[in-house]
C-alpha atoms as a PDB file:
ATOM      1  CA  MET A   1     111.555  99.353  81.106  1.00  0.00           C
ATOM      2  CA  ALA A   2     108.916  96.642  81.577  1.00  0.00           C
ATOM      3  CA  GLU A   3     105.632  97.594  83.168  1.00  0.00           C
ATOM      4  CA  ALA A   4     105.042  96.431  86.705  1.00  0.00           C
ATOM      5  CA  ARG A   5     102.488  93.747  87.367  1.00  0.00           C
ATOM      6  CA  VAL A   6      99.833  95.357  89.567  1.00  0.00           C
ATOM      7  CA  ILE A   7      97.565  93.423  91.930  1.00  0.00           C
ATOM      8  CA  GLY A   8      94.901  95.297  93.842  1.00  0.00           C
ATOM      9  CA  VAL A   9      94.060  94.335  97.410  1.00  0.00           C
ATOM     10  CA  ASN A  10      90.599  95.728  98.065  1.00  0.00           C
ATOM     11  CA  VAL A  11      90.373  95.608 101.847  1.00  0.00           C
ATOM     12  CA  PRO A  12      87.417  97.713 103.065  1.00  0.00           C
ATOM     13  CA  GLY A  13      88.687 101.131 104.083  1.00  0.00           C
ATOM     14  CA  ALA A  14      92.320 100.277 103.317  1.00  0.00           C
ATOM     15  CA  ALA A  15      92.641  99.300  99.644  1.00  0.00           C
ATOM     16  CA  TYR A  16      96.161  99.232  98.252  1.00  0.00           C
ATOM     17  CA  GLU A  17      98.204  97.936  95.344  1.00  0.00           C
ATOM     18  CA  VAL A  18     101.026  95.435  95.084  1.00  0.00           C
ATOM     19  CA  LEU A  19     103.538  96.217  92.334  1.00  0.00           C
ATOM     20  CA  VAL A  20     105.889  93.520  91.016  1.00  0.00           C
ATOM     21  CA  ARG A  21     108.775  94.318  88.671  1.00  0.00           C
ATOM     22  CA  PRO A  22     112.490  93.521  88.529  1.00  0.00           C
ATOM     23  CA  GLY A  23     114.401  96.699  89.416  1.00  0.00           C
ATOM     24  CA  LEU A  24     111.485  98.252  91.300  1.00  0.00           C
ATOM     25  CA  LEU A  25     113.600  98.987  94.383  1.00  0.00           C
ATOM     26  CA  GLU A  26     115.160 101.939  92.576  1.00  0.00           C
ATOM     27  CA  ASP A  27     111.710 103.518  92.150  1.00  0.00           C
ATOM     28  CA  VAL A  28     110.419 103.144  95.725  1.00  0.00           C
ATOM     29  CA  GLY A  29     110.918 106.831  96.548  1.00  0.00           C
ATOM     30  CA  ARG A  30     109.119 108.057  93.443  1.00  0.00           C
ATOM     31  CA  LEU A  31     106.253 105.625  93.950  1.00  0.00           C
ATOM     32  CA  LEU A  32     105.915 106.429  97.647  1.00  0.00           C
ATOM     33  CA  ARG A  33     105.858 110.157  96.920  1.00  0.00           C
ATOM     34  CA  ARG A  34     102.609 109.614  95.022  1.00  0.00           C
ATOM     35  CA  LEU A  35     101.094 108.270  98.233  1.00  0.00           C
ATOM     36  CA  SER A  36     102.686 110.468 100.915  1.00  0.00           C
ATOM     37  CA  SER A  37     103.476 114.167 101.366  1.00  0.00           C
ATOM     38  CA  ALA A  38     105.684 113.522 104.411  1.00  0.00           C
ATOM     39  CA  LYS A  39     109.149 115.043 104.541  1.00  0.00           C
ATOM     40  CA  ARG A  40     110.744 112.038 106.201  1.00  0.00           C
ATOM     41  CA  ALA A  41     110.498 108.249 105.932  1.00  0.00           C
ATOM     42  CA  VAL A  42     111.704 105.490 108.245  1.00  0.00           C
ATOM     43  CA  VAL A  43     113.341 102.358 106.833  1.00  0.00           C
ATOM     44  CA  ILE A  44     113.381  99.360 109.170  1.00  0.00           C
ATOM     45  CA  THR A  45     115.667  96.531 108.141  1.00  0.00           C
ATOM     46  CA  ASP A  46     117.856  93.848 109.671  1.00  0.00           C
ATOM     47  CA  SER A  47     121.583  93.247 109.925  1.00  0.00           C
ATOM     48  CA  GLN A  48     121.631  90.953 106.878  1.00  0.00           C
ATOM     49  CA  VAL A  49     119.455  92.883 104.423  1.00  0.00           C
ATOM     50  CA  GLY A  50     120.618  96.334 105.545  1.00  0.00           C
ATOM     51  CA  PRO A  51     124.152  96.072 104.129  1.00  0.00           C
ATOM     52  CA  LEU A  52     122.721  94.824 100.819  1.00  0.00           C
ATOM     53  CA  TYR A  53     119.831  97.186 100.163  1.00  0.00           C
ATOM     54  CA  ALA A  54     119.387  99.887 102.823  1.00  0.00           C
ATOM     55  CA  GLU A  55     121.484 102.479 101.020  1.00  0.00           C
ATOM     56  CA  LYS A  56     119.773 101.762  97.701  1.00  0.00           C
ATOM     57  CA  ALA A  57     116.385 102.194  99.382  1.00  0.00           C
ATOM     58  CA  ALA A  58     117.533 105.346 101.153  1.00  0.00           C
ATOM     59  CA  ALA A  59     118.900 106.796  97.901  1.00  0.00           C
ATOM     60  CA  SER A  60     115.601 106.105  96.185  1.00  0.00           C
ATOM     61  CA  LEU A  61     113.735 107.803  99.014  1.00  0.00           C
ATOM     62  CA  ARG A  62     115.995 110.841  98.777  1.00  0.00           C
ATOM     63  CA  GLU A  63     115.285 111.029  95.045  1.00  0.00           C
ATOM     64  CA  GLY A  64     111.587 111.002  95.949  1.00  0.00           C
ATOM     65  CA  GLY A  65     112.084 113.993  98.254  1.00  0.00           C
ATOM     66  CA  PHE A  66     112.173 112.121 101.579  1.00  0.00           C
ATOM     67  CA  ASP A  67     114.746 112.475 104.350  1.00  0.00           C
ATOM     68  CA  PRO A  68     115.309 108.806 105.238  1.00  0.00           C
ATOM     69  CA  ILE A  69     115.907 107.458 108.747  1.00  0.00           C
ATOM     70  CA  VAL A  70     117.313 103.908 108.787  1.00  0.00           C
ATOM     71  CA  ALA A  71     116.701 101.722 111.845  1.00  0.00           C
ATOM     72  CA  THR A  72     118.237  98.264 112.070  1.00  0.00           C
ATOM     73  CA  PHE A  73     117.903  95.212 114.276  1.00  0.00           C
ATOM     74  CA  PRO A  74     119.754  91.874 114.533  1.00  0.00           C
ATOM     75  CA  ALA A  75     118.595  89.401 111.897  1.00  0.00           C
ATOM     76  CA  GLY A  76     116.863  86.167 112.811  1.00  0.00           C
ATOM     77  CA  GLU A  77     113.551  84.760 114.008  1.00  0.00           C
ATOM     78  CA  ASP A  78     114.857  84.578 117.574  1.00  0.00           C
ATOM     79  CA  ASN A  79     115.112  88.392 117.542  1.00  0.00           C
ATOM     80  CA  LYS A  80     111.457  88.837 116.589  1.00  0.00           C
ATOM     81  CA  THR A  81     110.530  89.938 120.100  1.00  0.00           C
ATOM     82  CA  ILE A  82     108.932  92.829 121.917  1.00  0.00           C
ATOM     83  CA  GLU A  83     112.396  93.702 123.274  1.00  0.00           C
ATOM     84  CA  THR A  84     113.683  94.175 119.717  1.00  0.00           C
ATOM     85  CA  VAL A  85     110.666  96.325 118.890  1.00  0.00           C
ATOM     86  CA  CYS A  86     111.492  98.537 121.896  1.00  0.00           C
ATOM     87  CA  ALA A  87     115.050  98.870 120.601  1.00  0.00           C
ATOM     88  CA  ILE A  88     113.645 100.025 117.261  1.00  0.00           C
ATOM     89  CA  TYR A  89     111.459 102.587 119.058  1.00  0.00           C
ATOM     90  CA  ASP A  90     114.644 103.859 120.706  1.00  0.00           C
ATOM     91  CA  GLN A  91     116.176 104.481 117.276  1.00  0.00           C
ATOM     92  CA  ILE A  92     113.117 106.238 115.831  1.00  0.00           C
ATOM     93  CA  LEU A  93     111.456 108.289 118.574  1.00  0.00           C
ATOM     94  CA  PRO A  94     114.429 110.608 119.234  1.00  0.00           C
ATOM     95  CA  LYS A  95     114.149 111.717 115.591  1.00  0.00           C
ATOM     96  CA  ALA A  96     110.914 113.570 116.414  1.00  0.00           C
ATOM     97  CA  ILE A  97     108.839 111.919 113.702  1.00  0.00           C
ATOM     98  CA  ASP A  98     105.163 112.730 113.244  1.00  0.00           C
ATOM     99  CA  ARG A  99     102.142 110.582 112.377  1.00  0.00           C
ATOM    100  CA  ALA A 100     102.468 111.271 108.643  1.00  0.00           C
ATOM    101  CA  VAL A 101     105.919 109.704 108.398  1.00  0.00           C
ATOM    102  CA  PRO A 102     105.735 106.326 106.607  1.00  0.00           C
ATOM    103  CA  VAL A 103     107.562 103.258 107.871  1.00  0.00           C
ATOM    104  CA  VAL A 104     109.172 101.188 105.107  1.00  0.00           C
ATOM    105  CA  ALA A 105     109.777  97.525 105.901  1.00  0.00           C
ATOM    106  CA  LEU A 106     112.835  96.349 103.976  1.00  0.00           C
ATOM    107  CA  GLY A 107     113.598  92.658 104.264  1.00  0.00           C
ATOM    108  CA  GLY A 108     111.989  89.294 104.800  1.00  0.00           C
ATOM    109  CA  GLY A 109     109.008  88.217 106.843  1.00  0.00           C
ATOM    110  CA  VAL A 110     110.618  89.004 110.201  1.00  0.00           C
ATOM    111  CA  ALA A 111     111.398  92.571 109.122  1.00  0.00           C
ATOM    112  CA  GLY A 112     107.921  93.010 107.680  1.00  0.00           C
ATOM    113  CA  ASP A 113     106.169  91.666 110.764  1.00  0.00           C
ATOM    114  CA  MET A 114     108.199  93.793 113.156  1.00  0.00           C
ATOM    115  CA  ALA A 115     108.222  96.968 111.073  1.00  0.00           C
ATOM    116  CA  GLY A 116     104.480  96.602 110.614  1.00  0.00           C
ATOM    117  CA  PHE A 117     103.999  96.223 114.354  1.00  0.00           C
ATOM    118  CA  VAL A 118     106.147  99.295 114.950  1.00  0.00           C
ATOM    119  CA  ALA A 119     104.050 101.220 112.403  1.00  0.00           C
ATOM    120  CA  ALA A 120     100.827 100.024 114.034  1.00  0.00           C
ATOM    121  CA  THR A 121     101.893 101.112 117.518  1.00  0.00           C
ATOM    122  CA  ILE A 122     104.286 104.048 117.297  1.00  0.00           C
ATOM    123  CA  LEU A 123     102.393 107.327 117.780  1.00  0.00           C
ATOM    124  CA  ARG A 124      99.259 105.126 117.791  1.00  0.00           C
ATOM    125  CA  GLY A 125      99.763 104.284 114.141  1.00  0.00           C
ATOM    126  CA  VAL A 126     101.650 105.618 111.122  1.00  0.00           C
ATOM    127  CA  PRO A 127     101.568 104.659 107.404  1.00  0.00           C
ATOM    128  CA  PHE A 128     103.346 101.471 106.451  1.00  0.00           C
ATOM    129  CA  VAL A 129     104.947 100.258 103.206  1.00  0.00           C
ATOM    130  CA  GLN A 130     106.245  96.767 102.506  1.00  0.00           C
ATOM    131  CA  VAL A 131     109.379  96.258 100.404  1.00  0.00           C
ATOM    132  CA  PRO A 132     109.941  92.506 100.778  1.00  0.00           C
ATOM    133  CA  THR A 133     113.276  91.007  99.752  1.00  0.00           C
ATOM    134  CA  SER A 134     112.599  87.295 100.384  1.00  0.00           C
ATOM    135  CA  LEU A 135     110.299  85.062  98.359  1.00  0.00           C
ATOM    136  CA  LEU A 136     108.338  84.091 101.466  1.00  0.00           C
ATOM    137  CA  ALA A 137     107.690  87.726 102.315  1.00  0.00           C
ATOM    138  CA  MET A 138     106.827  88.591  98.706  1.00  0.00           C
ATOM    139  CA  VAL A 139     104.181  85.929  98.248  1.00  0.00           C
ATOM    140  CA  ASP A 140     102.792  85.795 101.770  1.00  0.00           C
ATOM    141  CA  ALA A 141     103.898  87.957 104.690  1.00  0.00           C
ATOM    142  CA  SER A 142     103.873  91.317 102.892  1.00  0.00           C
ATOM    143  CA  VAL A 143     100.187  91.085 101.922  1.00  0.00           C
ATOM    144  CA  GLY A 144      97.300  91.218 104.361  1.00  0.00           C
ATOM    145  CA  GLY A 145      98.348  93.500 107.193  1.00  0.00           C
ATOM    146  CA  LYS A 146      99.265  90.896 109.798  1.00  0.00           C
ATOM    147  CA  THR A 147     102.064  92.212 112.010  1.00  0.00           C
ATOM    148  CA  GLY A 148     103.597  91.079 115.252  1.00  0.00           C
ATOM    149  CA  VAL A 149     106.290  89.386 117.300  1.00  0.00           C
ATOM    150  CA  ASN A 150     106.867  86.062 118.981  1.00  0.00           C
ATOM    151  CA  HIS A 151     106.553  85.168 122.653  1.00  0.00           C
ATOM    152  CA  ARG A 152     108.359  82.377 124.436  1.00  0.00           C
ATOM    153  CA  VAL A 153     105.035  80.501 124.585  1.00  0.00           C
ATOM    154  CA  GLY A 154     104.578  80.558 120.820  1.00  0.00           C
ATOM    155  CA  LYS A 155     104.947  82.284 117.479  1.00  0.00           C
ATOM    156  CA  ASN A 156     103.185  85.550 116.545  1.00  0.00           C
ATOM    157  CA  LEU A 157     101.177  85.740 119.760  1.00  0.00           C
ATOM    158  CA  ILE A 158     101.616  89.531 120.090  1.00  0.00           C
ATOM    159  CA  GLY A 159     100.575  91.729 117.167  1.00  0.00           C
ATOM    160  CA  ALA A 160      98.034  93.809 115.315  1.00  0.00           C
ATOM    161  CA  PHE A 161      96.338  94.089 111.941  1.00  0.00           C
ATOM    162  CA  HIS A 162      97.778  97.110 110.113  1.00  0.00           C
ATOM    163  CA  GLN A 163      97.285  97.204 106.354  1.00  0.00           C
ATOM    164  CA  PRO A 164     100.127  98.642 104.271  1.00  0.00           C
ATOM    165  CA  LEU A 165      99.852 101.737 102.138  1.00  0.00           C
ATOM    166  CA  ALA A 166     101.461  99.775  99.294  1.00  0.00           C
ATOM    167  CA  VAL A 167     103.695  96.790  98.597  1.00  0.00           C
ATOM    168  CA  PHE A 168     106.663  97.212  96.235  1.00  0.00           C
ATOM    169  CA  ILE A 169     108.254  93.940  95.090  1.00  0.00           C
ATOM    170  CA  ASP A 170     111.558  93.715  93.218  1.00  0.00           C
ATOM    171  CA  PRO A 171     112.278  90.049  92.342  1.00  0.00           C
ATOM    172  CA  GLN A 172     115.905  90.931  91.597  1.00  0.00           C
ATOM    173  CA  THR A 173     116.519  91.058  95.343  1.00  0.00           C
ATOM    174  CA  LEU A 174     116.069  87.280  95.298  1.00  0.00           C
ATOM    175  CA  ARG A 175     119.496  87.001  93.626  1.00  0.00           C
ATOM    176  CA  THR A 176     121.125  87.668  97.010  1.00  0.00           C
ATOM    177  CA  LEU A 177     118.731  85.427  98.923  1.00  0.00           C
ATOM    178  CA  PRO A 178     120.361  82.327 100.435  1.00  0.00           C
ATOM    179  CA  PRO A 179     119.166  79.188  98.600  1.00  0.00           C
ATOM    180  CA  ARG A 180     117.602  77.862 101.810  1.00  0.00           C
ATOM    181  CA  GLU A 181     115.418  80.969 102.067  1.00  0.00           C
ATOM    182  CA  LEU A 182     114.392  80.759  98.405  1.00  0.00           C
ATOM    183  CA  ARG A 183     113.266  77.186  98.972  1.00  0.00           C
ATOM    184  CA  GLY A 184     111.381  78.295 102.085  1.00  0.00           C
ATOM    185  CA  GLY A 185     109.421  80.812 100.035  1.00  0.00           C
ATOM    186  CA  LEU A 186     108.450  78.097  97.588  1.00  0.00           C
ATOM    187  CA  ALA A 187     106.686  76.332 100.463  1.00  0.00           C
ATOM    188  CA  GLU A 188     104.191  79.211 100.600  1.00  0.00           C
ATOM    189  CA  CYS A 189     103.736  79.060  96.812  1.00  0.00           C
ATOM    190  CA  ILE A 190     102.913  75.362  97.111  1.00  0.00           C
ATOM    191  CA  LYS A 191     100.498  76.174  99.939  1.00  0.00           C
ATOM    192  CA  HIS A 192      98.589  78.777  97.949  1.00  0.00           C
ATOM    193  CA  ASP A 193      97.976  76.395  95.074  1.00  0.00           C
ATOM    194  CA  ILE A 194      96.899  73.590  97.395  1.00  0.00           C
ATOM    195  CA  ILE A 195      94.255  75.786  99.000  1.00  0.00           C
ATOM    196  CA  ARG A 196      92.997  77.563  95.875  1.00  0.00           C
ATOM    197  CA  ASP A 197      94.399  76.499  92.506  1.00  0.00           C
ATOM    198  CA  ALA A 198      94.864  72.892  91.371  1.00  0.00           C
ATOM    199  CA  GLU A 199      95.923  74.061  87.902  1.00  0.00           C
ATOM    200  CA  GLY A 200      98.499  76.371  89.438  1.00  0.00           C
ATOM    201  CA  PHE A 201      99.790  73.404  91.469  1.00  0.00           C
ATOM    202  CA  ALA A 202     100.283  71.420  88.263  1.00  0.00           C
ATOM    203  CA  GLN A 203     102.093  74.337  86.640  1.00  0.00           C
ATOM    204  CA  LEU A 204     104.380  74.661  89.648  1.00  0.00           C
ATOM    205  CA  GLU A 205     105.160  70.938  89.412  1.00  0.00           C
ATOM    206  CA  THR A 206     106.341  71.597  85.837  1.00  0.00           C
ATOM    207  CA  ASN A 207     108.232  74.839  86.499  1.00  0.00           C
ATOM    208  CA  ILE A 208     109.755  74.400  89.943  1.00  0.00           C
ATOM    209  CA  ALA A 209     113.252  74.162  88.414  1.00  0.00           C
ATOM    210  CA  ARG A 210     112.811  77.598  86.776  1.00  0.00           C
ATOM    211  CA  ALA A 211     112.094  79.110  90.173  1.00  0.00           C
ATOM    212  CA  LEU A 212     115.131  77.460  91.738  1.00  0.00           C
ATOM    213  CA  ALA A 213     117.261  78.714  88.815  1.00  0.00           C
ATOM    214  CA  LEU A 214     116.155  82.333  89.520  1.00  0.00           C
ATOM    215  CA  ASP A 215     114.454  82.801  86.154  1.00  0.00           C
ATOM    216  CA  MET A 216     113.348  86.426  86.674  1.00  0.00           C
ATOM    217  CA  GLU A 217     110.474  86.329  84.195  1.00  0.00           C
ATOM    218  CA  TYR A 218     109.041  83.207  85.775  1.00  0.00           C
ATOM    219  CA  LEU A 219     109.636  84.467  89.329  1.00  0.00           C
ATOM    220  CA  SER A 220     107.773  87.692  88.497  1.00  0.00           C
ATOM    221  CA  GLU A 221     104.840  85.631  87.213  1.00  0.00           C
ATOM    222  CA  LEU A 222     104.992  83.302  90.206  1.00  0.00           C
ATOM    223  CA  VAL A 223     105.052  86.148  92.729  1.00  0.00           C
ATOM    224  CA  ALA A 224     102.152  87.954  91.034  1.00  0.00           C
ATOM    225  CA  HIS A 225     100.129  84.709  90.862  1.00  0.00           C
ATOM    226  CA  ASN A 226     100.611  84.047  94.558  1.00  0.00           C
ATOM    227  CA  VAL A 227      99.930  87.630  95.593  1.00  0.00           C
ATOM    228  CA  ALA A 228      96.666  87.481  93.653  1.00  0.00           C
ATOM    229  CA  ILE A 229      95.605  84.315  95.492  1.00  0.00           C
ATOM    230  CA  LYS A 230      96.401  85.789  98.875  1.00  0.00           C
ATOM    231  CA  ALA A 231      94.764  89.109  97.983  1.00  0.00           C
ATOM    232  CA  ARG A 232      91.455  87.451  97.135  1.00  0.00           C
ATOM    233  CA  VAL A 233      91.434  85.547 100.431  1.00  0.00           C
ATOM    234  CA  VAL A 234      92.388  88.637 102.447  1.00  0.00           C
ATOM    235  CA  GLU A 235      89.658  90.700 100.752  1.00  0.00           C
ATOM    236  CA  ALA A 236      87.058  88.147 101.770  1.00  0.00           C
ATOM    237  CA  ASP A 237      88.242  88.042 105.394  1.00  0.00           C
ATOM    238  CA  PRO A 238      90.556  90.943 106.373  1.00  0.00           C
ATOM    239  CA  LEU A 239      90.684  90.088 110.098  1.00  0.00           C
ATOM    240  CA  GLU A 240      90.927  86.303 109.838  1.00  0.00           C
ATOM    241  CA  LYS A 241      87.479  85.582 111.248  1.00  0.00           C
ATOM    242  CA  GLY A 242      86.864  82.592 109.003  1.00  0.00           C
ATOM    243  CA  LEU A 243      87.895  82.063 105.368  1.00  0.00           C
ATOM    244  CA  ARG A 244      91.325  83.640 105.757  1.00  0.00           C
ATOM    245  CA  ALA A 245      92.279  80.835 108.094  1.00  0.00           C
ATOM    246  CA  HIS A 246      92.658  78.742 104.920  1.00  0.00           C
ATOM    247  CA  LEU A 247      96.001  80.514 104.500  1.00  0.00           C
ATOM    248  CA  ASN A 248      97.123  78.683 107.633  1.00  0.00           C
ATOM    249  CA  PHE A 249      97.197  75.346 105.811  1.00  0.00           C
ATOM    250  CA  GLY A 250     100.164  73.483 107.264  1.00  0.00           C
ATOM    251  CA  HIS A 251     100.844  76.238 109.781  1.00  0.00           C
ATOM    252  CA  THR A 252      99.237  74.654 112.845  1.00  0.00           C
ATOM    253  CA  PHE A 253     101.813  71.864 112.700  1.00  0.00           C
ATOM    254  CA  ALA A 254     104.512  74.253 111.435  1.00  0.00           C
ATOM    255  CA  HIS A 255     104.298  76.708 114.311  1.00  0.00           C
ATOM    256  CA  ALA A 256     104.645  73.865 116.810  1.00  0.00           C
ATOM    257  CA  ILE A 257     107.670  72.522 114.917  1.00  0.00           C
ATOM    258  CA  GLU A 258     109.284  75.966 114.767  1.00  0.00           C
ATOM    259  CA  THR A 259     108.771  76.634 118.475  1.00  0.00           C
ATOM    260  CA  LEU A 260     109.898  73.207 119.660  1.00  0.00           C
ATOM    261  CA  SER A 261     112.969  73.234 117.417  1.00  0.00           C
ATOM    262  CA  HIS A 262     113.851  76.720 118.711  1.00  0.00           C
ATOM    263  CA  TYR A 263     113.615  77.843 115.067  1.00  0.00           C
ATOM    264  CA  ALA A 264     116.233  75.379 113.840  1.00  0.00           C
ATOM    265  CA  TYR A 265     113.683  74.840 111.087  1.00  0.00           C
ATOM    266  CA  SER A 266     113.033  77.948 109.019  1.00  0.00           C
ATOM    267  CA  HIS A 267     109.417  78.996 108.626  1.00  0.00           C
ATOM    268  CA  GLY A 268     109.274  77.625 105.085  1.00  0.00           C
ATOM    269  CA  GLU A 269     110.817  74.310 106.100  1.00  0.00           C
ATOM    270  CA  ALA A 270     108.360  73.956 108.965  1.00  0.00           C
ATOM    271  CA  VAL A 271     105.454  74.806 106.645  1.00  0.00           C
ATOM    272  CA  ALA A 272     106.649  72.160 104.186  1.00  0.00           C
ATOM    273  CA  LEU A 273     106.590  69.543 106.933  1.00  0.00           C
ATOM    274  CA  GLY A 274     103.299  70.914 108.242  1.00  0.00           C
ATOM    275  CA  MET A 275     101.607  70.637 104.847  1.00  0.00           C
ATOM    276  CA  ILE A 276     102.628  67.011 104.527  1.00  0.00           C
ATOM    277  CA  ALA A 277     101.447  66.302 108.079  1.00  0.00           C
ATOM    278  CA  ALA A 278      98.111  67.993 107.339  1.00  0.00           C
ATOM    279  CA  ALA A 279      97.713  66.060 104.085  1.00  0.00           C
ATOM    280  CA  ARG A 280      98.443  62.754 105.803  1.00  0.00           C
ATOM    281  CA  THR A 281      96.042  63.671 108.602  1.00  0.00           C
ATOM    282  CA  ALA A 282      93.376  64.228 105.956  1.00  0.00           C
ATOM    283  CA  VAL A 283      94.191  60.897 104.316  1.00  0.00           C
ATOM    284  CA  HIS A 284      93.850  59.160 107.699  1.00  0.00           C
ATOM    285  CA  MET A 285      90.391  60.726 108.072  1.00  0.00           C
ATOM    286  CA  GLY A 286      89.297  59.636 104.604  1.00  0.00           C
ATOM    287  CA  MET A 287      89.113  63.235 103.336  1.00  0.00           C
ATOM    288  CA  LEU A 288      91.967  63.179 100.809  1.00  0.00           C
ATOM    289  CA  ASP A 289      93.222  60.505  98.426  1.00  0.00           C
ATOM    290  CA  SER A 290      96.730  59.151  98.942  1.00  0.00           C
ATOM    291  CA  ALA A 291      97.819  60.086  95.408  1.00  0.00           C
ATOM    292  CA  SER A 292      97.202  63.782  96.086  1.00  0.00           C
ATOM    293  CA  ALA A 293      99.086  63.582  99.377  1.00  0.00           C
ATOM    294  CA  GLU A 294     102.032  62.026  97.550  1.00  0.00           C
ATOM    295  CA  ARG A 295     101.956  64.780  94.896  1.00  0.00           C
ATOM    296  CA  ILE A 296     102.217  67.331  97.711  1.00  0.00           C
ATOM    297  CA  ALA A 297     105.168  65.488  99.250  1.00  0.00           C
ATOM    298  CA  ALA A 298     106.838  65.088  95.849  1.00  0.00           C
ATOM    299  CA  LEU A 299     106.577  68.808  95.050  1.00  0.00           C
ATOM    300  CA  VAL A 300     107.952  69.659  98.492  1.00  0.00           C
ATOM    301  CA  ARG A 301     110.940  67.422  97.775  1.00  0.00           C
ATOM    302  CA  ALA A 302     111.382  68.891  94.274  1.00  0.00           C
ATOM    303  CA  ALA A 303     111.565  72.345  95.857  1.00  0.00           C
ATOM    304  CA  GLY A 304     114.462  71.131  98.008  1.00  0.00           C
ATOM    305  CA  LEU A 305     112.413  71.256 101.195  1.00  0.00           C
ATOM    306  CA  PRO A 306     112.277  68.641 103.966  1.00  0.00           C
ATOM    307  CA  ALA A 307     109.546  66.028 103.564  1.00  0.00           C
ATOM    308  CA  GLY A 308     110.468  63.980 106.630  1.00  0.00           C
ATOM    309  CA  GLY A 309     113.226  63.309 109.128  1.00  0.00           C
ATOM    310  CA  MET A 310     111.805  65.444 111.942  1.00  0.00           C
ATOM    311  CA  SER A 311     113.260  64.333 115.279  1.00  0.00           C
ATOM    312  CA  ILE A 312     110.901  66.151 117.662  1.00  0.00           C
ATOM    313  CA  PRO A 313     108.860  63.591 119.638  1.00  0.00           C
ATOM    314  CA  THR A 314     105.316  63.195 118.343  1.00  0.00           C
ATOM    315  CA  GLY A 315     103.797  63.786 121.770  1.00  0.00           C
ATOM    316  CA  GLU A 316     105.602  67.099 122.149  1.00  0.00           C
ATOM    317  CA  VAL A 317     104.296  68.339 118.808  1.00  0.00           C
ATOM    318  CA  ILE A 318     100.745  67.332 119.695  1.00  0.00           C
ATOM    319  CA  GLY A 319     101.080  68.988 123.109  1.00  0.00           C
ATOM    320  CA  ALA A 320     102.313  72.248 121.569  1.00  0.00           C
ATOM    321  CA  LEU A 321      99.300  72.546 119.250  1.00  0.00           C
ATOM    322  CA  ILE A 322      97.101  73.876 122.063  1.00  0.00           C
ATOM    323  CA  TYR A 323      99.149  77.109 122.074  1.00  0.00           C
ATOM    324  CA  ASP A 324      98.384  77.883 118.437  1.00  0.00           C
ATOM    325  CA  LYS A 325      96.476  81.139 117.770  1.00  0.00           C
ATOM    326  CA  LYS A 326      93.789  79.172 115.930  1.00  0.00           C
ATOM    327  CA  VAL A 327      92.621  77.311 119.039  1.00  0.00           C
ATOM    328  CA  ARG A 328      88.969  78.099 119.859  1.00  0.00           C
ATOM    329  CA  GLY A 329      87.375  76.969 123.109  1.00  0.00           C
ATOM    330  CA  GLY A 330      90.198  74.545 123.744  1.00  0.00           C
ATOM    331  CA  ARG A 331      89.671  72.857 120.356  1.00  0.00           C
ATOM    332  CA  VAL A 332      92.514  72.957 117.852  1.00  0.00           C
ATOM    333  CA  ARG A 333      91.364  74.032 114.390  1.00  0.00           C
ATOM    334  CA  PHE A 334      93.113  72.357 111.473  1.00  0.00           C
ATOM    335  CA  VAL A 335      93.049  73.406 107.838  1.00  0.00           C
ATOM    336  CA  LEU A 336      92.857  70.158 105.896  1.00  0.00           C
ATOM    337  CA  PRO A 337      92.713  69.447 102.146  1.00  0.00           C
ATOM    338  CA  GLU A 338      89.760  67.676 100.540  1.00  0.00           C
ATOM    339  CA  ARG A 339      91.464  67.828  97.149  1.00  0.00           C
ATOM    340  CA  LEU A 340      94.143  69.903  95.478  1.00  0.00           C
ATOM    341  CA  GLY A 341      92.719  73.425  95.268  1.00  0.00           C
ATOM    342  CA  ARG A 342      90.254  73.055  98.145  1.00  0.00           C
ATOM    343  CA  VAL A 343      90.670  73.001 101.925  1.00  0.00           C
ATOM    344  CA  VAL A 344      88.291  73.097 104.883  1.00  0.00           C
ATOM    345  CA  ILE A 345      88.603  74.008 108.564  1.00  0.00           C
ATOM    346  CA  ARG A 346      87.983  71.207 111.065  1.00  0.00           C
ATOM    347  CA  ASP A 347      87.975  71.353 114.863  1.00  0.00           C
ATOM    348  CA  ASP A 348      86.932  67.720 115.317  1.00  0.00           C
ATOM    349  CA  VAL A 349      90.146  66.017 114.239  1.00  0.00           C
ATOM    350  CA  PRO A 350      90.751  62.908 116.377  1.00  0.00           C
ATOM    351  CA  GLU A 351      94.099  62.559 118.073  1.00  0.00           C
ATOM    352  CA  ASP A 352      94.919  59.365 116.182  1.00  0.00           C
ATOM    353  CA  ALA A 353      94.665  61.274 112.881  1.00  0.00           C
ATOM    354  CA  VAL A 354      96.882  64.077 114.210  1.00  0.00           C
ATOM    355  CA  ARG A 355      99.339  61.489 115.450  1.00  0.00           C
ATOM    356  CA  ALA A 356      99.366  59.815 112.029  1.00  0.00           C
ATOM    357  CA  GLY A 357     100.089  63.160 110.417  1.00  0.00           C
ATOM    358  CA  VAL A 358     103.004  63.908 112.738  1.00  0.00           C
ATOM    359  CA  GLU A 359     104.409  60.386 112.431  1.00  0.00           C
ATOM    360  CA  SER A 360     104.417  60.757 108.634  1.00  0.00           C
ATOM    361  CA  ILE A 361     107.108  63.450 108.823  1.00  0.00           C
ATOM    362  CA  ARG A 362     109.349  61.769 111.379  1.00  0.00           C
END
């Protein structure tokens, strides 16, 4: 059996490891037992992932000496609400769990965000383990401790920072991932290279077809590469006070697009559009050369993601930006690229540049 790729995330006071290996799901119970002496464990999953992997996860936990409790919720971003969290509490609290019982998030980013929020709040906080099954969750949402739910005003406006005890990633779960969701995860891979690794961006340009073809060896490398990028950023800024905001490249536009479309665009699709809008905004401001912006758009297209065609009125997108979490003192903060591999945060972006960015994806 191949050794797992191990990436350390050295957050002060809450260091943990991310393990990446095909077939790792079968070993979750054994691995978790090394970290927890609890008798029980809670698995939180959704109605799509549960039928695929909940029993396998529960069996692994039983082999590790845990008595598993499985709680489920309806799949979908529109169910990522405080009401759904309360329904999960209703499934868990009658089981008389204690504060040593770990919560295992099994699924994509929605499951991870909600299970993490449950772990952060139930009994004033219990241990938390991420077992992501989507590419987006593997390379982004499962690392860094950001948890939460949406509000009708905007995305992820209610939440908490709660670092996981560990992250266990099995790329083989991507074989059951709908192609649209695989492509959405590639948007975050593109993002990471734009903000930190120009060479990695070039390699992704060359190998994007291998990812789409579910080449397990390449996907394991790709996931580990992206986790390492995110880990270094999270270590430098665990609570998103400054540098970590670089991870929001494309997301200021994306969150507005998601909210206004009522999540007709997946998160990855919205991020793809948001990255292009941010790149074109930077070009309009003279920060980024047009050739680099076109490389970003071309890689987005090669990944099978939308690079244009958005029908939401430009004015509505601009109006929605004020509700983004990154607004400070009424000024919208944008993460904009200066070149591939380097971004900066700007809160002085003129409206004509923002408008140019939005118009470029319509």
